């Protein structure tokens, strides 16, 4: 029982130290959309804490020949979020220009390993921040009724839930990779 209490307290401390520990709609957002923004921003903050102090070598680190670089993963998170912006707000896929801007990061793999390197971590975080700012601005114009609307069998709520779970999955990947970085 004492071990369970210690673990619970450690988790509670960890949550309160590294995150807001409450899900609540920021001012100006409808309830459900605001709760989603709260969760998205919480995850983004935790992703940033994992990577924000990386140097260039660490940002470009490859765990193995099939892995993706840390910077590329951050770019991938931004690209995925940008895709869901056009999918949910404009009811379309990427156009040619957007595809050229985002496709390598969206797909990752060999091309991304070759192209997405040599930039500081802040470069990727700035892209991520810009995309999130746009997401916040767009979602602020909508209400919970819009959140429930479906397109191609997917509700807008589910689409943004997917963006959130996608970030959570890659947050775990980033945590694993940073723990495997060579020691200086």
N, C-alpha and C. Protein backbone atom coordinates (compact mmCIF):
# COMPACT_ATOMS: atom_id res chain seq x y z
N UNK A 1 0.82 -1.19 0.00
CA UNK A 1 0.00 0.00 0.00
C UNK A 1 0.86 1.26 0.00
N UNK A 2 1.95 1.25 0.80
CA UNK A 2 2.84 2.41 0.86
C UNK A 2 3.46 2.69 -0.51
N UNK A 3 3.80 1.63 -1.24
CA UNK A 3 4.38 1.79 -2.57
C UNK A 3 3.38 2.44 -3.51
N UNK A 4 2.13 2.01 -3.45
CA UNK A 4 1.09 2.59 -4.29
C UNK A 4 0.90 4.07 -3.98
N UNK A 5 0.92 4.42 -2.71
CA UNK A 5 0.78 5.82 -2.31
C UNK A 5 1.96 6.63 -2.83
N UNK A 6 3.18 6.10 -2.72
CA UNK A 6 4.36 6.80 -3.21
C UNK A 6 4.28 7.02 -4.73
N UNK A 7 3.85 5.99 -5.45
CA UNK A 7 3.71 6.11 -6.90
C UNK A 7 2.65 7.15 -7.25
N UNK A 8 1.52 7.11 -6.57
CA UNK A 8 0.45 8.07 -6.82
C UNK A 8 0.92 9.49 -6.55
N UNK A 9 1.62 9.69 -5.44
CA UNK A 9 2.14 11.02 -5.12
C UNK A 9 3.18 11.47 -6.13
N UNK A 10 4.03 10.55 -6.57
CA UNK A 10 5.04 10.89 -7.57
C UNK A 10 4.37 11.30 -8.88
N UNK A 11 3.34 10.57 -9.27
CA UNK A 11 2.61 10.92 -10.49
C UNK A 11 1.92 12.26 -10.34
N UNK A 12 1.31 12.50 -9.20
CA UNK A 12 0.63 13.77 -8.97
C UNK A 12 1.63 14.92 -9.01
N UNK A 13 2.78 14.74 -8.38
CA UNK A 13 3.81 15.77 -8.41
C UNK A 13 4.28 16.01 -9.83
N UNK A 14 4.51 14.92 -10.56
CA UNK A 14 4.96 15.02 -11.94
C UNK A 14 3.96 15.78 -12.79
N UNK A 15 2.68 15.49 -12.64
CA UNK A 15 1.65 16.17 -13.42
C UNK A 15 1.60 17.65 -13.07
N UNK A 16 1.59 17.96 -11.78
CA UNK A 16 1.47 19.36 -11.40
C UNK A 16 2.73 20.14 -11.73
N UNK A 17 3.88 19.49 -11.74
CA UNK A 17 5.12 20.17 -12.06
C UNK A 17 5.25 20.43 -13.56
N UNK A 18 4.80 19.50 -14.37
CA UNK A 18 5.07 19.57 -15.80
C UNK A 18 3.85 19.86 -16.66
N UNK A 19 2.72 20.08 -16.10
CA UNK A 19 1.54 20.37 -16.89
C UNK A 19 0.52 21.11 -16.05
N UNK A 20 -0.55 21.51 -16.71
CA UNK A 20 -1.54 22.31 -16.00
C UNK A 20 -2.38 21.49 -15.03
N UNK A 21 -2.47 20.18 -15.18
CA UNK A 21 -3.18 19.27 -14.28
C UNK A 21 -4.69 19.49 -14.24
N UNK A 22 -5.21 20.34 -15.10
CA UNK A 22 -6.64 20.59 -15.21
C UNK A 22 -6.97 20.76 -16.69
N UNK A 23 -8.07 20.16 -17.10
CA UNK A 23 -8.55 20.38 -18.47
C UNK A 23 -9.72 21.33 -18.37
N UNK A 24 -9.54 22.53 -18.92
CA UNK A 24 -10.63 23.49 -18.92
C UNK A 24 -10.49 24.41 -20.13
N UNK A 25 -11.63 24.82 -20.62
CA UNK A 25 -11.68 25.66 -21.82
C UNK A 25 -11.08 27.04 -21.54
N UNK A 26 -10.11 27.47 -22.34
CA UNK A 26 -9.61 28.83 -22.19
C UNK A 26 -10.71 29.84 -22.55
N UNK A 27 -10.58 31.05 -22.07
CA UNK A 27 -11.55 32.10 -22.38
C UNK A 27 -11.73 32.25 -23.88
N UNK A 28 -12.98 32.41 -24.30
CA UNK A 28 -13.28 32.65 -25.69
C UNK A 28 -13.57 31.42 -26.52
N UNK A 29 -13.43 30.24 -25.93
CA UNK A 29 -13.69 28.99 -26.64
C UNK A 29 -14.94 28.33 -26.08
N UNK A 30 -15.68 27.64 -26.96
CA UNK A 30 -16.80 26.84 -26.47
C UNK A 30 -16.23 25.71 -25.61
N UNK A 31 -17.08 25.06 -24.83
CA UNK A 31 -16.63 24.08 -23.86
C UNK A 31 -15.82 22.94 -24.48
N UNK A 32 -16.40 22.20 -25.42
CA UNK A 32 -15.71 21.03 -25.97
C UNK A 32 -14.47 21.42 -26.75
N UNK A 33 -14.59 22.45 -27.57
CA UNK A 33 -13.43 22.91 -28.34
C UNK A 33 -12.36 23.44 -27.38
N UNK A 34 -12.76 24.18 -26.38
CA UNK A 34 -11.81 24.70 -25.41
C UNK A 34 -11.09 23.60 -24.64
N UNK A 35 -11.82 22.56 -24.29
CA UNK A 35 -11.18 21.43 -23.61
C UNK A 35 -10.16 20.76 -24.54
N UNK A 36 -10.49 20.66 -25.82
CA UNK A 36 -9.55 20.09 -26.78
C UNK A 36 -8.31 20.97 -26.89
N UNK A 37 -8.49 22.27 -26.96
CA UNK A 37 -7.35 23.20 -27.01
C UNK A 37 -6.49 23.04 -25.76
N UNK A 38 -7.13 22.92 -24.61
CA UNK A 38 -6.41 22.72 -23.36
C UNK A 38 -5.53 21.48 -23.44
N UNK A 39 -6.07 20.39 -23.96
CA UNK A 39 -5.31 19.14 -24.06
C UNK A 39 -4.23 19.24 -25.13
N UNK A 40 -4.55 19.84 -26.27
CA UNK A 40 -3.55 20.01 -27.33
C UNK A 40 -2.38 20.86 -26.83
N UNK A 41 -2.68 21.95 -26.17
CA UNK A 41 -1.62 22.83 -25.67
C UNK A 41 -0.80 22.17 -24.58
N UNK A 42 -1.45 21.36 -23.75
CA UNK A 42 -0.72 20.62 -22.72
C UNK A 42 0.28 19.68 -23.36
N UNK A 43 -0.16 18.92 -24.35
CA UNK A 43 0.74 18.00 -25.04
C UNK A 43 1.86 18.74 -25.74
N UNK A 44 1.53 19.82 -26.39
CA UNK A 44 2.55 20.60 -27.09
C UNK A 44 3.60 21.10 -26.12
N UNK A 45 3.18 21.56 -24.97
CA UNK A 45 4.12 22.01 -23.95
C UNK A 45 5.05 20.90 -23.48
N UNK A 46 4.50 19.72 -23.32
CA UNK A 46 5.32 18.59 -22.89
C UNK A 46 6.28 18.15 -23.99
N UNK A 47 5.84 18.18 -25.25
CA UNK A 47 6.74 17.88 -26.37
C UNK A 47 7.89 18.89 -26.36
N UNK A 48 7.56 20.17 -26.23
CA UNK A 48 8.59 21.21 -26.24
C UNK A 48 9.59 21.02 -25.10
N UNK A 49 9.12 20.66 -23.91
CA UNK A 49 10.03 20.46 -22.78
C UNK A 49 11.03 19.34 -23.06
N UNK A 50 10.60 18.33 -23.79
CA UNK A 50 11.50 17.21 -24.11
C UNK A 50 12.63 17.65 -25.03
N UNK A 51 12.36 18.57 -25.96
CA UNK A 51 13.32 18.85 -27.02
C UNK A 51 13.95 20.25 -27.00
N UNK A 52 13.42 21.17 -26.24
CA UNK A 52 13.79 22.58 -26.39
C UNK A 52 15.27 22.89 -26.18
N UNK A 53 15.98 22.10 -25.43
CA UNK A 53 17.39 22.39 -25.14
C UNK A 53 18.37 21.55 -25.97
N UNK A 54 17.88 20.92 -27.02
CA UNK A 54 18.77 20.07 -27.81
C UNK A 54 19.71 20.91 -28.67
N UNK A 55 20.94 20.43 -28.81
CA UNK A 55 21.87 21.10 -29.72
C UNK A 55 21.66 20.53 -31.13
N UNK A 56 22.45 21.01 -32.08
CA UNK A 56 22.25 20.60 -33.47
C UNK A 56 22.46 19.11 -33.67
N UNK A 57 23.50 18.58 -33.08
CA UNK A 57 23.77 17.14 -33.22
C UNK A 57 22.61 16.31 -32.67
N UNK A 58 22.08 16.72 -31.55
CA UNK A 58 20.95 16.00 -30.95
C UNK A 58 19.69 16.16 -31.78
N UNK A 59 19.45 17.34 -32.31
CA UNK A 59 18.26 17.60 -33.15
C UNK A 59 18.27 16.72 -34.39
N UNK A 60 19.46 16.47 -34.93
CA UNK A 60 19.61 15.67 -36.15
C UNK A 60 19.92 14.20 -35.88
N UNK A 61 19.95 13.80 -34.63
CA UNK A 61 20.30 12.43 -34.26
C UNK A 61 19.34 11.41 -34.90
N UNK A 62 19.93 10.32 -35.39
CA UNK A 62 19.15 9.19 -35.91
C UNK A 62 19.40 7.98 -35.01
N UNK A 63 18.35 7.45 -34.46
CA UNK A 63 18.47 6.28 -33.59
C UNK A 63 18.97 5.07 -34.38
N UNK A 64 18.50 4.93 -35.61
CA UNK A 64 18.97 3.89 -36.52
C UNK A 64 18.61 4.30 -37.95
N UNK A 65 18.91 3.46 -38.91
CA UNK A 65 18.71 3.81 -40.32
C UNK A 65 17.25 3.99 -40.73
N UNK A 66 16.33 3.49 -39.94
CA UNK A 66 14.91 3.62 -40.25
C UNK A 66 14.20 4.66 -39.40
N UNK A 67 14.92 5.28 -38.49
CA UNK A 67 14.33 6.26 -37.57
C UNK A 67 14.18 7.61 -38.25
N UNK A 68 13.52 8.51 -37.56
CA UNK A 68 13.38 9.89 -38.02
C UNK A 68 14.11 10.79 -37.04
N UNK A 69 14.63 11.88 -37.56
CA UNK A 69 15.34 12.85 -36.73
C UNK A 69 14.33 13.58 -35.84
N UNK A 70 14.79 14.05 -34.70
CA UNK A 70 13.92 14.73 -33.75
C UNK A 70 13.30 15.97 -34.40
N UNK A 71 14.08 16.76 -35.09
CA UNK A 71 13.54 17.94 -35.77
C UNK A 71 12.47 17.57 -36.77
N UNK A 72 12.69 16.49 -37.51
CA UNK A 72 11.71 16.05 -38.51
C UNK A 72 10.40 15.62 -37.84
N UNK A 73 10.49 15.02 -36.67
CA UNK A 73 9.27 14.60 -35.97
C UNK A 73 8.46 15.83 -35.54
N UNK A 74 9.14 16.87 -35.06
CA UNK A 74 8.43 18.10 -34.68
C UNK A 74 7.77 18.70 -35.92
N UNK A 75 8.49 18.72 -37.03
CA UNK A 75 7.92 19.23 -38.29
C UNK A 75 6.72 18.37 -38.70
N UNK A 76 6.83 17.08 -38.49
CA UNK A 76 5.73 16.15 -38.81
C UNK A 76 4.48 16.47 -37.99
N UNK A 77 4.67 16.79 -36.71
CA UNK A 77 3.53 17.16 -35.87
C UNK A 77 2.84 18.41 -36.43
N UNK A 78 3.64 19.39 -36.84
CA UNK A 78 3.08 20.62 -37.42
C UNK A 78 2.37 20.32 -38.74
N UNK A 79 2.97 19.49 -39.57
CA UNK A 79 2.38 19.15 -40.87
C UNK A 79 1.04 18.44 -40.70
N UNK A 80 0.97 17.52 -39.76
CA UNK A 80 -0.29 16.80 -39.51
C UNK A 80 -1.37 17.76 -39.03
N UNK A 81 -1.01 18.65 -38.15
CA UNK A 81 -1.97 19.63 -37.64
C UNK A 81 -2.42 20.57 -38.77
N UNK A 82 -1.48 20.98 -39.62
CA UNK A 82 -1.83 21.85 -40.75
C UNK A 82 -2.79 21.13 -41.69
N UNK A 83 -2.58 19.83 -41.89
CA UNK A 83 -3.49 19.06 -42.74
C UNK A 83 -4.91 19.07 -42.17
N UNK A 84 -5.03 18.82 -40.87
CA UNK A 84 -6.36 18.79 -40.27
C UNK A 84 -7.01 20.17 -40.22
N UNK A 85 -6.22 21.21 -40.26
CA UNK A 85 -6.80 22.55 -40.40
C UNK A 85 -7.56 22.66 -41.72
N UNK A 86 -6.92 22.30 -42.83
CA UNK A 86 -7.61 22.43 -44.12
C UNK A 86 -8.72 21.39 -44.25
N UNK A 87 -8.51 20.21 -43.68
CA UNK A 87 -9.54 19.16 -43.78
C UNK A 87 -10.81 19.56 -43.04
N UNK A 88 -10.67 20.09 -41.83
CA UNK A 88 -11.86 20.39 -41.03
C UNK A 88 -12.44 21.77 -41.31
N UNK A 89 -11.61 22.76 -41.58
CA UNK A 89 -12.11 24.12 -41.76
C UNK A 89 -12.45 24.44 -43.21
N UNK A 90 -11.70 23.85 -44.14
CA UNK A 90 -11.94 24.15 -45.55
C UNK A 90 -12.52 22.98 -46.31
N UNK A 91 -12.67 21.85 -45.64
CA UNK A 91 -13.28 20.64 -46.21
C UNK A 91 -12.58 20.18 -47.48
N UNK A 92 -11.27 20.09 -47.39
CA UNK A 92 -10.48 19.68 -48.55
C UNK A 92 -9.17 19.05 -48.10
N UNK A 93 -8.43 18.54 -49.07
CA UNK A 93 -7.08 18.02 -48.83
C UNK A 93 -6.10 19.15 -49.11
N UNK A 94 -4.81 18.91 -48.90
CA UNK A 94 -3.81 19.90 -49.25
C UNK A 94 -3.87 20.21 -50.74
N UNK A 95 -3.70 21.49 -51.08
CA UNK A 95 -3.55 21.85 -52.49
C UNK A 95 -2.09 21.63 -52.89
N UNK A 96 -1.75 21.92 -54.12
CA UNK A 96 -0.41 21.65 -54.62
C UNK A 96 0.66 22.40 -53.82
N UNK A 97 0.42 23.67 -53.56
CA UNK A 97 1.39 24.48 -52.81
C UNK A 97 1.58 23.96 -51.38
N UNK A 98 0.48 23.65 -50.72
CA UNK A 98 0.55 23.11 -49.36
C UNK A 98 1.23 21.75 -49.34
N UNK A 99 0.92 20.95 -50.34
CA UNK A 99 1.53 19.63 -50.43
C UNK A 99 3.06 19.75 -50.56
N UNK A 100 3.51 20.70 -51.38
CA UNK A 100 4.95 20.91 -51.54
C UNK A 100 5.59 21.35 -50.22
N UNK A 101 4.89 22.16 -49.46
CA UNK A 101 5.41 22.65 -48.19
C UNK A 101 5.46 21.56 -47.12
N UNK A 102 4.45 20.70 -47.07
CA UNK A 102 4.27 19.79 -45.94
C UNK A 102 4.53 18.32 -46.22
N UNK A 103 4.51 17.88 -47.47
CA UNK A 103 4.47 16.44 -47.75
C UNK A 103 5.66 15.66 -47.21
N UNK A 104 6.86 16.20 -47.34
CA UNK A 104 8.04 15.46 -46.84
C UNK A 104 7.90 15.23 -45.34
N UNK A 105 7.53 16.28 -44.61
CA UNK A 105 7.37 16.14 -43.15
C UNK A 105 6.18 15.26 -42.81
N UNK A 106 5.13 15.33 -43.59
CA UNK A 106 3.95 14.52 -43.33
C UNK A 106 4.27 13.03 -43.49
N UNK A 107 5.04 12.71 -44.52
CA UNK A 107 5.34 11.30 -44.83
C UNK A 107 6.52 10.73 -44.05
N UNK A 108 7.47 11.60 -43.70
CA UNK A 108 8.72 11.17 -43.07
C UNK A 108 9.44 10.15 -43.96
N UNK A 109 10.24 9.27 -43.40
CA UNK A 109 10.94 8.26 -44.19
C UNK A 109 12.22 8.76 -44.83
N UNK A 110 12.66 8.08 -45.89
CA UNK A 110 13.95 8.36 -46.53
C UNK A 110 14.13 9.81 -46.95
N UNK A 111 13.14 10.36 -47.63
CA UNK A 111 13.24 11.73 -48.11
C UNK A 111 13.38 12.71 -46.94
N UNK A 112 12.63 12.50 -45.90
CA UNK A 112 12.72 13.37 -44.73
C UNK A 112 14.07 13.22 -44.04
N UNK A 113 14.59 11.99 -43.96
CA UNK A 113 15.91 11.80 -43.35
C UNK A 113 16.98 12.58 -44.10
N UNK A 114 16.82 12.68 -45.39
CA UNK A 114 17.79 13.40 -46.23
C UNK A 114 17.59 14.92 -46.18
N UNK A 115 16.35 15.37 -46.22
CA UNK A 115 16.05 16.80 -46.33
C UNK A 115 15.92 17.53 -45.01
N UNK A 116 15.35 16.89 -44.01
CA UNK A 116 15.02 17.60 -42.77
C UNK A 116 16.12 17.43 -41.74
N UNK A 117 17.18 18.20 -41.95
CA UNK A 117 18.32 18.20 -41.04
C UNK A 117 19.08 19.51 -41.22
N UNK A 118 19.94 19.77 -40.27
CA UNK A 118 20.79 20.96 -40.37
C UNK A 118 20.15 22.25 -39.88
N UNK A 119 18.99 22.14 -39.26
CA UNK A 119 18.31 23.32 -38.71
C UNK A 119 18.24 23.15 -37.19
N UNK A 120 18.35 24.26 -36.45
CA UNK A 120 18.26 24.15 -34.99
C UNK A 120 16.86 23.76 -34.55
N UNK A 121 16.76 23.22 -33.35
CA UNK A 121 15.46 22.78 -32.84
C UNK A 121 14.45 23.92 -32.83
N UNK A 122 14.90 25.13 -32.58
CA UNK A 122 13.98 26.26 -32.54
C UNK A 122 13.31 26.50 -33.90
N UNK A 123 13.99 26.18 -34.98
CA UNK A 123 13.39 26.29 -36.32
C UNK A 123 12.11 25.44 -36.38
N UNK A 124 12.21 24.21 -35.92
CA UNK A 124 11.06 23.31 -35.95
C UNK A 124 9.99 23.73 -34.95
N UNK A 125 10.41 24.17 -33.78
CA UNK A 125 9.45 24.62 -32.78
C UNK A 125 8.70 25.87 -33.25
N UNK A 126 9.38 26.75 -33.97
CA UNK A 126 8.71 27.94 -34.51
C UNK A 126 7.62 27.56 -35.51
N UNK A 127 7.89 26.57 -36.35
CA UNK A 127 6.88 26.08 -37.29
C UNK A 127 5.69 25.50 -36.52
N UNK A 128 5.98 24.69 -35.54
CA UNK A 128 4.96 24.08 -34.69
C UNK A 128 4.12 25.16 -33.99
N UNK A 129 4.79 26.18 -33.46
CA UNK A 129 4.08 27.28 -32.79
C UNK A 129 3.18 28.05 -33.76
N UNK A 130 3.68 28.30 -34.95
CA UNK A 130 2.89 29.02 -35.96
C UNK A 130 1.63 28.25 -36.33
N UNK A 131 1.78 26.96 -36.55
CA UNK A 131 0.63 26.12 -36.89
C UNK A 131 -0.37 26.08 -35.73
N UNK A 132 0.12 25.94 -34.50
CA UNK A 132 -0.78 25.89 -33.35
C UNK A 132 -1.51 27.21 -33.17
N UNK A 133 -0.83 28.31 -33.38
CA UNK A 133 -1.49 29.61 -33.26
C UNK A 133 -2.66 29.70 -34.24
N UNK A 134 -2.43 29.22 -35.47
CA UNK A 134 -3.49 29.24 -36.47
C UNK A 134 -4.64 28.31 -36.04
N UNK A 135 -4.31 27.14 -35.50
CA UNK A 135 -5.33 26.22 -35.01
C UNK A 135 -6.19 26.90 -33.96
N UNK A 136 -5.56 27.55 -33.02
CA UNK A 136 -6.29 28.25 -31.95
C UNK A 136 -7.21 29.33 -32.53
N UNK A 137 -6.68 30.10 -33.48
CA UNK A 137 -7.49 31.16 -34.10
C UNK A 137 -8.68 30.58 -34.84
N UNK A 138 -8.46 29.49 -35.58
CA UNK A 138 -9.55 28.87 -36.34
C UNK A 138 -10.59 28.24 -35.41
N UNK A 139 -10.13 27.50 -34.41
CA UNK A 139 -11.07 26.85 -33.50
C UNK A 139 -11.87 27.86 -32.69
N UNK A 140 -11.30 29.01 -32.42
CA UNK A 140 -12.00 30.03 -31.65
C UNK A 140 -13.22 30.56 -32.42
N UNK A 141 -13.23 30.40 -33.74
CA UNK A 141 -14.35 30.88 -34.55
C UNK A 141 -15.49 29.88 -34.62
N UNK A 142 -15.30 28.70 -34.05
CA UNK A 142 -16.29 27.62 -34.13
C UNK A 142 -16.91 27.35 -32.77
N UNK A 143 -18.02 26.58 -32.79
CA UNK A 143 -18.67 26.21 -31.55
C UNK A 143 -18.80 24.69 -31.48
N UNK A 144 -19.37 24.21 -30.38
CA UNK A 144 -19.46 22.76 -30.18
C UNK A 144 -20.39 22.08 -31.17
N UNK A 145 -21.34 22.82 -31.72
CA UNK A 145 -22.20 22.26 -32.77
C UNK A 145 -21.35 21.92 -34.00
N UNK A 146 -20.45 22.82 -34.37
CA UNK A 146 -19.55 22.57 -35.50
C UNK A 146 -18.65 21.38 -35.19
N UNK A 147 -18.21 21.28 -33.94
CA UNK A 147 -17.32 20.21 -33.52
C UNK A 147 -17.94 18.84 -33.77
N UNK A 148 -19.27 18.75 -33.68
CA UNK A 148 -19.97 17.48 -33.87
C UNK A 148 -20.24 17.15 -35.33
N UNK A 149 -20.10 18.12 -36.22
CA UNK A 149 -20.39 17.88 -37.64
C UNK A 149 -19.42 16.86 -38.22
N UNK A 150 -19.98 16.06 -39.17
CA UNK A 150 -19.18 15.01 -39.79
C UNK A 150 -18.86 15.34 -41.23
N UNK A 151 -17.72 14.85 -41.65
CA UNK A 151 -17.30 14.91 -43.05
C UNK A 151 -16.65 13.58 -43.35
N UNK A 152 -17.15 12.90 -44.38
CA UNK A 152 -16.63 11.58 -44.76
C UNK A 152 -16.62 10.63 -43.56
N UNK A 153 -17.69 10.69 -42.75
CA UNK A 153 -17.84 9.78 -41.63
C UNK A 153 -17.05 10.16 -40.38
N UNK A 154 -16.30 11.25 -40.43
CA UNK A 154 -15.46 11.66 -39.30
C UNK A 154 -15.96 12.99 -38.77
N UNK A 155 -16.21 13.06 -37.47
CA UNK A 155 -16.62 14.35 -36.90
C UNK A 155 -15.38 15.24 -36.75
N UNK A 156 -15.62 16.53 -36.70
CA UNK A 156 -14.52 17.47 -36.46
C UNK A 156 -13.87 17.20 -35.11
N UNK A 157 -14.68 16.81 -34.14
CA UNK A 157 -14.15 16.48 -32.82
C UNK A 157 -13.18 15.32 -32.92
N UNK A 158 -13.58 14.27 -33.64
CA UNK A 158 -12.70 13.11 -33.77
C UNK A 158 -11.42 13.50 -34.50
N UNK A 159 -11.53 14.33 -35.54
CA UNK A 159 -10.34 14.76 -36.29
C UNK A 159 -9.33 15.41 -35.35
N UNK A 160 -9.82 16.31 -34.49
CA UNK A 160 -8.91 17.00 -33.58
C UNK A 160 -8.46 16.10 -32.44
N UNK A 161 -9.28 15.14 -32.05
CA UNK A 161 -8.84 14.11 -31.11
C UNK A 161 -7.67 13.34 -31.72
N UNK A 162 -7.77 13.05 -33.02
CA UNK A 162 -6.69 12.33 -33.69
C UNK A 162 -5.40 13.15 -33.69
N UNK A 163 -5.49 14.44 -33.92
CA UNK A 163 -4.31 15.31 -33.85
C UNK A 163 -3.69 15.20 -32.46
N UNK A 164 -4.54 15.21 -31.44
CA UNK A 164 -4.07 15.12 -30.06
C UNK A 164 -3.39 13.78 -29.79
N UNK A 165 -4.04 12.68 -30.17
CA UNK A 165 -3.45 11.37 -29.89
C UNK A 165 -2.17 11.17 -30.71
N UNK A 166 -2.14 11.75 -31.90
CA UNK A 166 -0.95 11.69 -32.74
C UNK A 166 0.23 12.37 -32.04
N UNK A 167 -0.02 13.52 -31.44
CA UNK A 167 1.02 14.22 -30.68
C UNK A 167 1.47 13.39 -29.49
N UNK A 168 0.53 12.77 -28.81
CA UNK A 168 0.88 11.96 -27.65
C UNK A 168 1.77 10.79 -28.05
N UNK A 169 1.44 10.15 -29.16
CA UNK A 169 2.27 9.03 -29.63
C UNK A 169 3.69 9.49 -29.94
N UNK A 170 3.81 10.60 -30.65
CA UNK A 170 5.15 11.09 -31.00
C UNK A 170 5.87 11.67 -29.79
N UNK A 171 5.14 12.15 -28.80
CA UNK A 171 5.78 12.60 -27.57
C UNK A 171 6.52 11.43 -26.92
N UNK A 172 5.89 10.27 -26.91
CA UNK A 172 6.55 9.08 -26.38
C UNK A 172 7.77 8.69 -27.20
N UNK A 173 7.64 8.80 -28.50
CA UNK A 173 8.77 8.51 -29.39
C UNK A 173 9.93 9.48 -29.12
N UNK A 174 9.61 10.76 -28.99
CA UNK A 174 10.65 11.76 -28.72
C UNK A 174 11.33 11.50 -27.37
N UNK A 175 10.54 11.11 -26.37
CA UNK A 175 11.11 10.80 -25.06
C UNK A 175 12.08 9.62 -25.17
N UNK A 176 11.69 8.60 -25.92
CA UNK A 176 12.56 7.45 -26.11
C UNK A 176 13.84 7.85 -26.82
N UNK A 177 13.73 8.60 -27.91
CA UNK A 177 14.91 9.00 -28.67
C UNK A 177 15.85 9.85 -27.82
N UNK A 178 15.31 10.82 -27.10
CA UNK A 178 16.18 11.69 -26.30
C UNK A 178 16.90 10.89 -25.19
N UNK A 179 16.30 9.83 -24.72
CA UNK A 179 16.98 8.99 -23.72
C UNK A 179 18.09 8.17 -24.35
N UNK A 180 18.06 8.04 -25.66
CA UNK A 180 19.07 7.25 -26.38
C UNK A 180 20.16 8.14 -27.01
N UNK A 181 20.07 9.46 -26.79
CA UNK A 181 21.08 10.35 -27.36
C UNK A 181 22.46 10.01 -26.81
N UNK A 182 23.48 10.06 -27.65
CA UNK A 182 24.84 9.80 -27.15
C UNK A 182 25.19 10.81 -26.05
N UNK A 183 25.87 10.34 -25.06
CA UNK A 183 26.30 11.21 -23.96
C UNK A 183 27.52 12.00 -24.41
N UNK A 184 27.52 13.29 -24.12
CA UNK A 184 28.66 14.15 -24.49
C UNK A 184 29.74 14.06 -23.42
